[in-house]
Amino acid sequence: MRFEISRASNRNSAPDEPPCSGALRAGTRVYGEEWGCPRTVQDWEVELDSIEGLMALVAEVGSIIIEKPASITVYDDYVE
């Protein structure tokens, strides 16, 4: 199954820096226009075929947040 994946700390990282190994580019979008500070953001996806794959991801990146629909956030910074 393919999941969108991002890091909570993404606002400070380089746009071309993947959130984990094996992450695939999923396109770009403009973020922050509504606040008057637009920037281009790279979207990423990761393919997870089993619970073992999910646990390997957790072992690599640490804590994660899984949300609907098929979205993972690496919990490496403050999340409101």
C-alpha atoms as a PDB file:
ATOM      1  CA  MET A   1       0.000   0.000   0.000  1.00  0.00           C
ATOM      2  CA  ARG A   2       1.255   3.470  -0.822  1.00  0.00           C
ATOM      3  CA  PHE A   3       1.250   6.142   1.904  1.00  0.00           C
ATOM      4  CA  GLU A   4       1.945   9.858   1.756  1.00  0.00           C
ATOM      5  CA  ILE A   5       4.849  10.525   4.128  1.00  0.00           C
ATOM      6  CA  SER A   6       6.206  13.724   5.636  1.00  0.00           C
ATOM      7  CA  ARG A   7       8.139  14.899   8.665  1.00  0.00           C
ATOM      8  CA  ALA A   8       6.727  17.186  11.350  1.00  0.00           C
ATOM      9  CA  SER A   9      10.009  19.098  11.053  1.00  0.00           C
ATOM     10  CA  ASN A  10       9.621  19.468   7.265  1.00  0.00           C
ATOM     11  CA  ARG A  11       9.206  23.243   7.487  1.00  0.00           C
ATOM     12  CA  ASN A  12      12.942  23.546   8.184  1.00  0.00           C
ATOM     13  CA  SER A  13      14.302  20.903   5.804  1.00  0.00           C
ATOM     14  CA  ALA A  14      15.382  21.176   2.196  1.00  0.00           C
ATOM     15  CA  PRO A  15      12.539  20.628  -0.281  1.00  0.00           C
ATOM     16  CA  ASP A  16      14.410  17.808  -2.027  1.00  0.00           C
ATOM     17  CA  GLU A  17      15.284  15.934   1.172  1.00  0.00           C
ATOM     18  CA  PRO A  18      13.241  12.698   1.430  1.00  0.00           C
ATOM     19  CA  PRO A  19      11.632  11.978   4.825  1.00  0.00           C
ATOM     20  CA  CYS A  20      13.037   8.408   4.875  1.00  0.00           C
ATOM     21  CA  SER A  21      14.984   5.980   2.740  1.00  0.00           C
ATOM     22  CA  GLY A  22      12.916   4.503  -0.062  1.00  0.00           C
ATOM     23  CA  ALA A  23      10.597   7.525  -0.277  1.00  0.00           C
ATOM     24  CA  LEU A  24       9.360   8.288  -3.800  1.00  0.00           C
ATOM     25  CA  ARG A  25       8.587  11.733  -5.194  1.00  0.00           C
ATOM     26  CA  ALA A  26       4.829  12.252  -5.481  1.00  0.00           C
ATOM     27  CA  GLY A  27       4.803  15.753  -6.970  1.00  0.00           C
ATOM     28  CA  THR A  28       5.052  19.318  -5.752  1.00  0.00           C
ATOM     29  CA  ARG A  29       2.536  21.825  -4.433  1.00  0.00           C
ATOM     30  CA  VAL A  30       2.500  25.406  -3.206  1.00  0.00           C
ATOM     31  CA  TYR A  31       1.980  25.734   0.547  1.00  0.00           C
ATOM     32  CA  GLY A  32       1.269  28.820   2.664  1.00  0.00           C
ATOM     33  CA  GLU A  33      -0.387  31.060   0.067  1.00  0.00           C
ATOM     34  CA  GLU A  34      -3.292  31.732   2.437  1.00  0.00           C
ATOM     35  CA  TRP A  35      -0.831  33.230   4.965  1.00  0.00           C
ATOM     36  CA  GLY A  36       1.009  35.324   2.394  1.00  0.00           C
ATOM     37  CA  CYS A  37       4.211  33.275   2.472  1.00  0.00           C
ATOM     38  CA  PRO A  38       3.953  30.730  -0.332  1.00  0.00           C
ATOM     39  CA  ARG A  39       6.652  28.130  -0.853  1.00  0.00           C
ATOM     40  CA  THR A  40       6.970  25.045  -3.010  1.00  0.00           C
ATOM     41  CA  VAL A  41       6.809  21.760  -1.121  1.00  0.00           C
ATOM     42  CA  GLN A  42       7.896  18.348  -2.412  1.00  0.00           C
ATOM     43  CA  ASP A  43       5.383  15.597  -1.619  1.00  0.00           C
ATOM     44  CA  TRP A  44       6.681  12.090  -0.881  1.00  0.00           C
ATOM     45  CA  GLU A  45       5.216   8.587  -0.787  1.00  0.00           C
ATOM     46  CA  VAL A  46       6.438   5.310   0.660  1.00  0.00           C
ATOM     47  CA  GLU A  47       5.371   1.786  -0.317  1.00  0.00           C
ATOM     48  CA  LEU A  48       4.607  -0.499   2.638  1.00  0.00           C
ATOM     49  CA  ASP A  49       3.584  -4.075   1.818  1.00  0.00           C
ATOM     50  CA  SER A  50       3.375  -5.548   5.313  1.00  0.00           C
ATOM     51  CA  ILE A  51       3.327  -4.821   9.017  1.00  0.00           C
ATOM     52  CA  GLU A  52       7.004  -5.806   9.006  1.00  0.00           C
ATOM     53  CA  GLY A  53       7.648  -3.022   6.478  1.00  0.00           C
ATOM     54  CA  LEU A  54       5.833  -0.578   8.753  1.00  0.00           C
ATOM     55  CA  MET A  55       7.895  -1.693  11.750  1.00  0.00           C
ATOM     56  CA  ALA A  56      11.103  -1.319   9.708  1.00  0.00           C
ATOM     57  CA  LEU A  57      10.048   2.259   8.923  1.00  0.00           C
ATOM     58  CA  VAL A  58       9.493   2.949  12.643  1.00  0.00           C
ATOM     59  CA  ALA A  59      12.928   1.449  13.411  1.00  0.00           C
ATOM     60  CA  GLU A  60      14.482   3.809  10.852  1.00  0.00           C
ATOM     61  CA  VAL A  61      12.697   7.096  11.617  1.00  0.00           C
ATOM     62  CA  GLY A  62      11.327   6.723  15.168  1.00  0.00           C
ATOM     63  CA  SER A  63       7.780   7.570  16.213  1.00  0.00           C
ATOM     64  CA  ILE A  64       5.143   8.050  13.539  1.00  0.00           C
ATOM     65  CA  ILE A  65       1.559   9.272  13.313  1.00  0.00           C
ATOM     66  CA  ILE A  66      -0.748   7.392  10.919  1.00  0.00           C
ATOM     67  CA  GLU A  67      -3.809   9.276   9.689  1.00  0.00           C
ATOM     68  CA  LYS A  68      -6.565   8.793   7.164  1.00  0.00           C
ATOM     69  CA  PRO A  69      -6.409   8.575   4.173  1.00  0.00           C
ATOM     70  CA  ALA A  70      -3.106   6.680   4.010  1.00  0.00           C
ATOM     71  CA  SER A  71      -0.882   9.398   5.466  1.00  0.00           C
ATOM     72  CA  ILE A  72       2.161   9.029   7.730  1.00  0.00           C
ATOM     73  CA  THR A  73       3.902  11.830   9.615  1.00  0.00           C
ATOM     74  CA  VAL A  74       7.310  11.211  11.160  1.00  0.00           C
ATOM     75  CA  TYR A  75       6.936  12.615  14.687  1.00  0.00           C
ATOM     76  CA  ASP A  76      10.308  14.349  14.971  1.00  0.00           C
ATOM     77  CA  ASP A  77       9.118  17.811  15.994  1.00  0.00           C
ATOM     78  CA  TYR A  78       6.236  19.530  17.773  1.00  0.00           C
ATOM     79  CA  VAL A  79       2.785  18.655  16.401  1.00  0.00           C
ATOM     80  CA  GLU A  80      -0.100  20.865  17.437  1.00  0.00           C
END
